[in-house]
Amino acid sequence: MLGIPTRGLVVGAIVAISGLVAGCGGSSSEPTTTGSTTGSTTVPQKTVPASAQFRATNIPGLGPGLLDARGRTVYVLTKDGHTNAACTDKSGCTDVWPDLPLEGGAKAAKAGPGITASLLGTKKSSDGETYPTYNGWLMYEYSADPAPDQANGQGIKSFGGTWYVLSPSGDPLTTGG
C-alpha cells in the first residue's frame, strides 16, 4: 500500500457508502415529507401546507376536535355569536394565532378522516389570499401549541373575542380550557 493505513481506507469507504445510501431516496415522483407520529398516524410537517387537509381526532381534555395537516389543533375566534371575528396581520393577531391560507395554488382543502367534506369551503380576503373554512369558520393555529394534539389556546380571551377548538360537527367546543 502507499502508506495509507488499511483501517483509514475501511472507515473512509463506510462513510462514503453511508453518504450515498442516505442521499438515495429512490425514484419516486412523490414529494418527500417528514413528520411526527401521533398514535398510529404520521402527520406530515414539511411539504404539506397546514391548510391542505384537515382531520378529526380526540384532543385530550376536550374531546373531538380538528387538526390541520401538521397535526396542530384548529381554533376559531368567536365574538357575540358571530362567525369569524376579525384576526388580522395589522392587529398582530396572526402573530399569536397564525392563519392558514391555502398555499401552492390550492383551490380548496381536503377532508381527512372524521371531517365532513361538505362543511369545507373557502373565503377570499381583501388581500387576495384564499383561506379554508369549516362550517363557515376561518381556521387558525395557536403559537403556544408547540406539539401536535395540544389545545393550550382553548377558551383564551384575546383580540376582542374568545378562542375555541373547532369540532368535527363545525361548532366551537365551548367547554374545557
Protein backbone atom coordinates (compact mmCIF):
# COMPACT_ATOMS: atom_id res chain seq x y z
CA MET A 1 0.00 0.00 0.00
CA LEU A 2 1.06 3.59 -0.39
CA GLY A 3 1.46 4.41 3.30
CA ILE A 4 -2.30 4.73 3.90
CA PRO A 5 -3.40 2.64 6.86
CA THR A 6 -5.90 -0.06 5.93
CA ARG A 7 -8.15 0.98 8.81
CA GLY A 8 -8.41 4.51 7.33
CA LEU A 9 -9.50 3.08 3.97
CA VAL A 10 -12.21 0.97 5.57
CA VAL A 11 -13.59 3.88 7.64
CA GLY A 12 -13.47 6.15 4.58
CA ALA A 13 -15.32 3.58 2.48
CA ILE A 14 -18.03 3.17 5.14
CA VAL A 15 -18.53 6.96 5.37
CA ALA A 16 -18.71 7.27 1.57
CA ILE A 17 -21.19 4.41 1.21
CA SER A 18 -23.32 5.78 4.08
CA GLY A 19 -23.48 9.14 2.33
CA LEU A 20 -24.53 7.55 -0.94
CA VAL A 21 -27.23 5.45 0.71
CA ALA A 22 -28.56 8.45 2.68
CA GLY A 23 -28.69 10.56 -0.47
CA CYS A 24 -30.64 7.97 -2.44
CA GLY A 25 -34.34 8.25 -1.88
CA GLY A 26 -35.49 6.15 -4.78
CA SER A 27 -37.01 7.40 -7.99
CA SER A 28 -40.50 8.25 -6.75
CA SER A 29 -42.01 11.45 -8.09
CA GLU A 30 -43.98 11.90 -4.85
CA PRO A 31 -42.81 14.75 -2.60
CA THR A 32 -40.87 13.72 0.45
CA THR A 33 -42.42 14.55 3.76
CA THR A 34 -41.17 14.43 7.28
CA GLY A 35 -43.43 14.31 10.24
CA SER A 36 -44.27 13.21 13.70
CA THR A 37 -46.27 10.22 14.75
CA THR A 38 -49.49 10.81 16.64
CA GLY A 39 -50.86 7.47 17.74
CA SER A 40 -50.74 5.31 14.64
CA THR A 41 -50.89 8.21 12.17
CA THR A 42 -47.89 10.01 10.70
CA VAL A 43 -48.55 13.72 10.48
CA PRO A 44 -46.69 15.39 7.58
CA GLN A 45 -44.86 18.57 8.54
CA LYS A 46 -42.62 19.77 5.73
CA THR A 47 -44.20 19.62 2.29
CA VAL A 48 -47.92 19.54 3.08
CA PRO A 49 -49.26 23.02 3.85
CA ALA A 50 -51.24 23.16 7.09
CA SER A 51 -54.31 24.28 5.16
CA ALA A 52 -54.16 21.41 2.66
CA GLN A 53 -56.01 18.80 4.72
CA PHE A 54 -57.90 18.62 7.96
CA ARG A 55 -58.82 15.64 10.10
CA ALA A 56 -60.63 14.95 13.35
CA THR A 57 -59.07 13.48 16.46
CA ASN A 58 -59.74 13.18 20.15
CA ILE A 59 -57.98 16.10 21.85
CA PRO A 60 -57.03 15.27 25.44
CA GLY A 61 -59.33 17.01 27.92
CA LEU A 62 -61.70 18.32 25.23
CA GLY A 63 -62.97 15.53 23.03
CA PRO A 64 -63.26 15.50 19.23
CA GLY A 65 -61.57 18.44 17.51
CA LEU A 66 -59.99 19.37 14.19
CA LEU A 67 -56.31 19.17 13.34
CA ASP A 68 -54.58 20.64 10.30
CA ALA A 69 -52.14 18.75 8.09
CA ARG A 70 -49.29 19.44 10.54
CA GLY A 71 -51.25 17.90 13.42
CA ARG A 72 -51.88 21.27 15.02
CA THR A 73 -55.20 21.96 16.73
CA VAL A 74 -57.56 24.23 14.79
CA TYR A 75 -59.17 27.20 16.55
CA VAL A 76 -61.86 29.75 15.74
CA LEU A 77 -62.34 33.25 17.13
CA THR A 78 -65.85 33.92 18.41
CA LYS A 79 -67.39 37.24 19.36
CA ASP A 80 -71.01 37.92 20.25
CA GLY A 81 -72.16 34.79 18.42
CA HIS A 82 -70.68 35.95 15.11
CA THR A 83 -68.70 33.68 12.86
CA ASN A 84 -65.19 34.92 12.08
CA ALA A 85 -64.39 37.75 14.42
CA ALA A 86 -61.53 39.75 12.93
CA CYS A 87 -58.00 38.35 13.37
CA THR A 88 -55.61 40.28 11.14
CA ASP A 89 -51.93 40.78 10.47
CA LYS A 90 -52.37 44.50 11.16
CA SER A 91 -53.64 43.92 14.72
CA GLY A 92 -50.87 41.41 15.44
CA CYS A 93 -53.46 38.69 15.96
CA THR A 94 -51.98 36.36 13.35
CA ASP A 95 -48.59 36.54 15.10
CA VAL A 96 -50.18 34.69 18.04
CA TRP A 97 -52.91 32.87 16.12
CA PRO A 98 -51.44 32.04 12.69
CA ASP A 99 -53.98 31.89 9.90
CA LEU A 100 -53.98 29.06 7.38
CA PRO A 101 -54.05 30.44 3.83
CA LEU A 102 -54.29 27.92 1.01
CA GLU A 103 -50.82 27.61 -0.50
CA GLY A 104 -49.25 26.50 -3.74
CA GLY A 105 -52.21 27.35 -5.91
CA ALA A 106 -54.58 25.06 -3.99
CA LYS A 107 -58.21 25.95 -4.60
CA ALA A 108 -59.63 24.01 -1.64
CA ALA A 109 -58.67 21.99 1.41
CA LYS A 110 -59.22 18.24 1.58
CA ALA A 111 -61.32 16.37 4.11
CA GLY A 112 -59.34 13.78 6.04
CA PRO A 113 -60.66 11.19 8.50
CA GLY A 114 -63.61 12.38 10.57
CA ILE A 115 -64.18 15.54 8.51
CA THR A 116 -67.43 16.28 6.67
CA ALA A 117 -66.28 17.35 3.19
CA SER A 118 -69.43 19.43 2.60
CA LEU A 119 -68.51 21.66 5.57
CA LEU A 120 -65.17 22.64 3.97
CA GLY A 121 -65.25 25.86 1.99
CA THR A 122 -63.10 28.90 1.22
CA LYS A 123 -63.13 32.61 1.87
CA LYS A 124 -61.14 35.14 -0.14
CA SER A 125 -59.75 38.06 1.84
CA SER A 126 -59.36 41.64 0.69
CA ASP A 127 -55.62 41.00 0.21
CA GLY A 128 -56.41 38.32 -2.38
CA GLU A 129 -55.43 35.29 -0.30
CA THR A 130 -57.83 32.36 -0.08
CA TYR A 131 -58.44 30.69 3.25
CA PRO A 132 -60.14 27.39 4.03
CA THR A 133 -63.27 27.47 6.18
CA TYR A 134 -65.14 24.76 8.05
CA ASN A 135 -68.86 25.31 8.53
CA GLY A 136 -68.15 28.94 7.62
CA TRP A 137 -65.42 29.44 10.25
CA LEU A 138 -61.96 30.70 9.35
CA MET A 139 -59.38 28.47 11.00
CA TYR A 140 -56.23 29.28 12.96
CA GLU A 141 -53.43 27.57 14.86
CA TYR A 142 -52.16 28.77 18.26
CA SER A 143 -48.48 29.68 18.51
CA ALA A 144 -48.28 28.32 22.08
CA ASP A 145 -49.22 24.79 20.98
CA PRO A 146 -45.65 23.54 20.50
CA ALA A 147 -46.64 19.99 19.55
CA PRO A 148 -49.46 18.16 17.74
CA ASP A 149 -52.71 17.40 19.56
CA GLN A 150 -52.32 20.23 22.09
CA ALA A 151 -55.06 22.73 22.89
CA ASN A 152 -53.40 25.38 25.05
CA GLY A 153 -55.48 28.10 23.40
CA GLN A 154 -58.88 26.72 24.40
CA GLY A 155 -61.05 29.43 25.99
CA ILE A 156 -58.48 32.23 25.77
CA LYS A 157 -60.00 35.69 25.54
CA SER A 158 -57.89 37.89 23.27
CA PHE A 159 -58.17 40.12 20.22
CA GLY A 160 -61.77 41.01 21.01
CA GLY A 161 -63.19 37.51 21.32
CA THR A 162 -62.79 34.02 22.69
CA TRP A 163 -60.80 31.24 21.03
CA TYR A 164 -62.23 27.73 20.86
CA VAL A 165 -61.18 24.46 19.27
CA LEU A 166 -63.34 23.64 16.26
CA SER A 167 -65.29 20.37 16.48
CA PRO A 168 -65.88 17.91 13.60
CA SER A 169 -69.53 18.99 13.60
CA GLY A 170 -68.37 22.50 12.68
CA ASP A 171 -69.19 24.13 16.02
CA PRO A 172 -66.76 25.65 18.53
CA LEU A 173 -66.06 23.44 21.55
CA THR A 174 -67.07 25.86 24.29
CA THR A 175 -66.13 23.55 27.15
CA GLY A 176 -62.72 22.93 28.70
CA GLY A 177 -59.72 25.21 28.74
